[in-house]
Amino acid sequence: MLIIVLLIILSLLLALGFLVAFFWAIRDGQYDDDYAPAVRILFEESQQTNSK
């Protein structure tokens, strides 16, 4: 019975760790825009760069 309680506590700590990592990634801006960088290469640049 003790091992079941220990496994439940460990699984809750692991889930809490993943939840903290998820909120940290959101706060850090990792999920801000995940669509535009993938398709940016498909469009031509509208501005021409002048190199002298």
C-alpha atoms as a PDB file:
ATOM      1  CA  MET A   1       0.000   0.000   0.000  1.00  0.00           C
ATOM      2  CA  LEU A   2       2.915   2.331   0.710  1.00  0.00           C
ATOM      3  CA  ILE A   3       4.242   1.952  -2.837  1.00  0.00           C
ATOM      4  CA  ILE A   4       0.898   3.081  -4.310  1.00  0.00           C
ATOM      5  CA  VAL A   5       0.936   6.235  -2.209  1.00  0.00           C
ATOM      6  CA  LEU A   6       4.563   6.849  -3.197  1.00  0.00           C
ATOM      7  CA  LEU A   7       3.773   6.403  -6.899  1.00  0.00           C
ATOM      8  CA  ILE A   8       0.791   8.752  -6.678  1.00  0.00           C
ATOM      9  CA  ILE A   9       2.917  11.426  -5.006  1.00  0.00           C
ATOM     10  CA  LEU A  10       5.690  11.018  -7.585  1.00  0.00           C
ATOM     11  CA  SER A  11       3.244  11.196 -10.486  1.00  0.00           C
ATOM     12  CA  LEU A  12       1.656  14.347  -9.072  1.00  0.00           C
ATOM     13  CA  LEU A  13       5.101  15.932  -8.694  1.00  0.00           C
ATOM     14  CA  LEU A  14       5.971  14.993 -12.265  1.00  0.00           C
ATOM     15  CA  ALA A  15       2.684  16.432 -13.550  1.00  0.00           C
ATOM     16  CA  LEU A  16       3.308  19.617 -11.582  1.00  0.00           C
ATOM     17  CA  GLY A  17       6.764  19.858 -13.135  1.00  0.00           C
ATOM     18  CA  PHE A  18       5.326  19.583 -16.640  1.00  0.00           C
ATOM     19  CA  LEU A  19       2.696  22.193 -15.813  1.00  0.00           C
ATOM     20  CA  VAL A  20       5.343  24.605 -14.533  1.00  0.00           C
ATOM     21  CA  ALA A  21       7.449  24.022 -17.665  1.00  0.00           C
ATOM     22  CA  PHE A  22       4.403  24.664 -19.868  1.00  0.00           C
ATOM     23  CA  PHE A  23       3.561  27.961 -18.176  1.00  0.00           C
ATOM     24  CA  TRP A  24       7.231  28.979 -18.295  1.00  0.00           C
ATOM     25  CA  ALA A  25       7.287  28.345 -22.060  1.00  0.00           C
ATOM     26  CA  ILE A  26       4.117  30.383 -22.537  1.00  0.00           C
ATOM     27  CA  ARG A  27       5.520  33.275 -20.474  1.00  0.00           C
ATOM     28  CA  ASP A  28       8.792  33.094 -22.392  1.00  0.00           C
ATOM     29  CA  GLY A  29       6.914  33.581 -25.684  1.00  0.00           C
ATOM     30  CA  GLN A  30       7.594  30.222 -27.258  1.00  0.00           C
ATOM     31  CA  TYR A  31       4.006  29.800 -28.465  1.00  0.00           C
ATOM     32  CA  ASP A  32       3.448  33.345 -29.736  1.00  0.00           C
ATOM     33  CA  ASP A  33       3.372  32.679 -33.478  1.00  0.00           C
ATOM     34  CA  ASP A  34       4.021  29.192 -34.729  1.00  0.00           C
ATOM     35  CA  TYR A  35       2.442  29.511 -38.189  1.00  0.00           C
ATOM     36  CA  ALA A  36       4.117  32.503 -39.856  1.00  0.00           C
ATOM     37  CA  PRO A  37       7.756  31.358 -39.579  1.00  0.00           C
ATOM     38  CA  ALA A  38       6.902  28.067 -41.287  1.00  0.00           C
ATOM     39  CA  VAL A  39       5.344  29.716 -44.348  1.00  0.00           C
ATOM     40  CA  ARG A  40       7.545  32.806 -44.522  1.00  0.00           C
ATOM     41  CA  ILE A  41       9.869  31.115 -47.009  1.00  0.00           C
ATOM     42  CA  LEU A  42       6.984  30.585 -49.442  1.00  0.00           C
ATOM     43  CA  PHE A  43       6.379  34.301 -49.989  1.00  0.00           C
ATOM     44  CA  GLU A  44       8.607  36.708 -51.853  1.00  0.00           C
ATOM     45  CA  GLU A  45      10.039  39.694 -50.073  1.00  0.00           C
ATOM     46  CA  SER A  46       8.262  42.901 -50.985  1.00  0.00           C
ATOM     47  CA  GLN A  47      11.204  45.160 -50.140  1.00  0.00           C
ATOM     48  CA  GLN A  48      14.328  45.193 -52.276  1.00  0.00           C
ATOM     49  CA  THR A  49      17.648  45.635 -50.527  1.00  0.00           C
ATOM     50  CA  ASN A  50      20.160  47.982 -52.101  1.00  0.00           C
ATOM     51  CA  SER A  51      23.715  46.809 -51.865  1.00  0.00           C
ATOM     52  CA  LYS A  52      26.475  49.176 -52.999  1.00  0.00           C
END
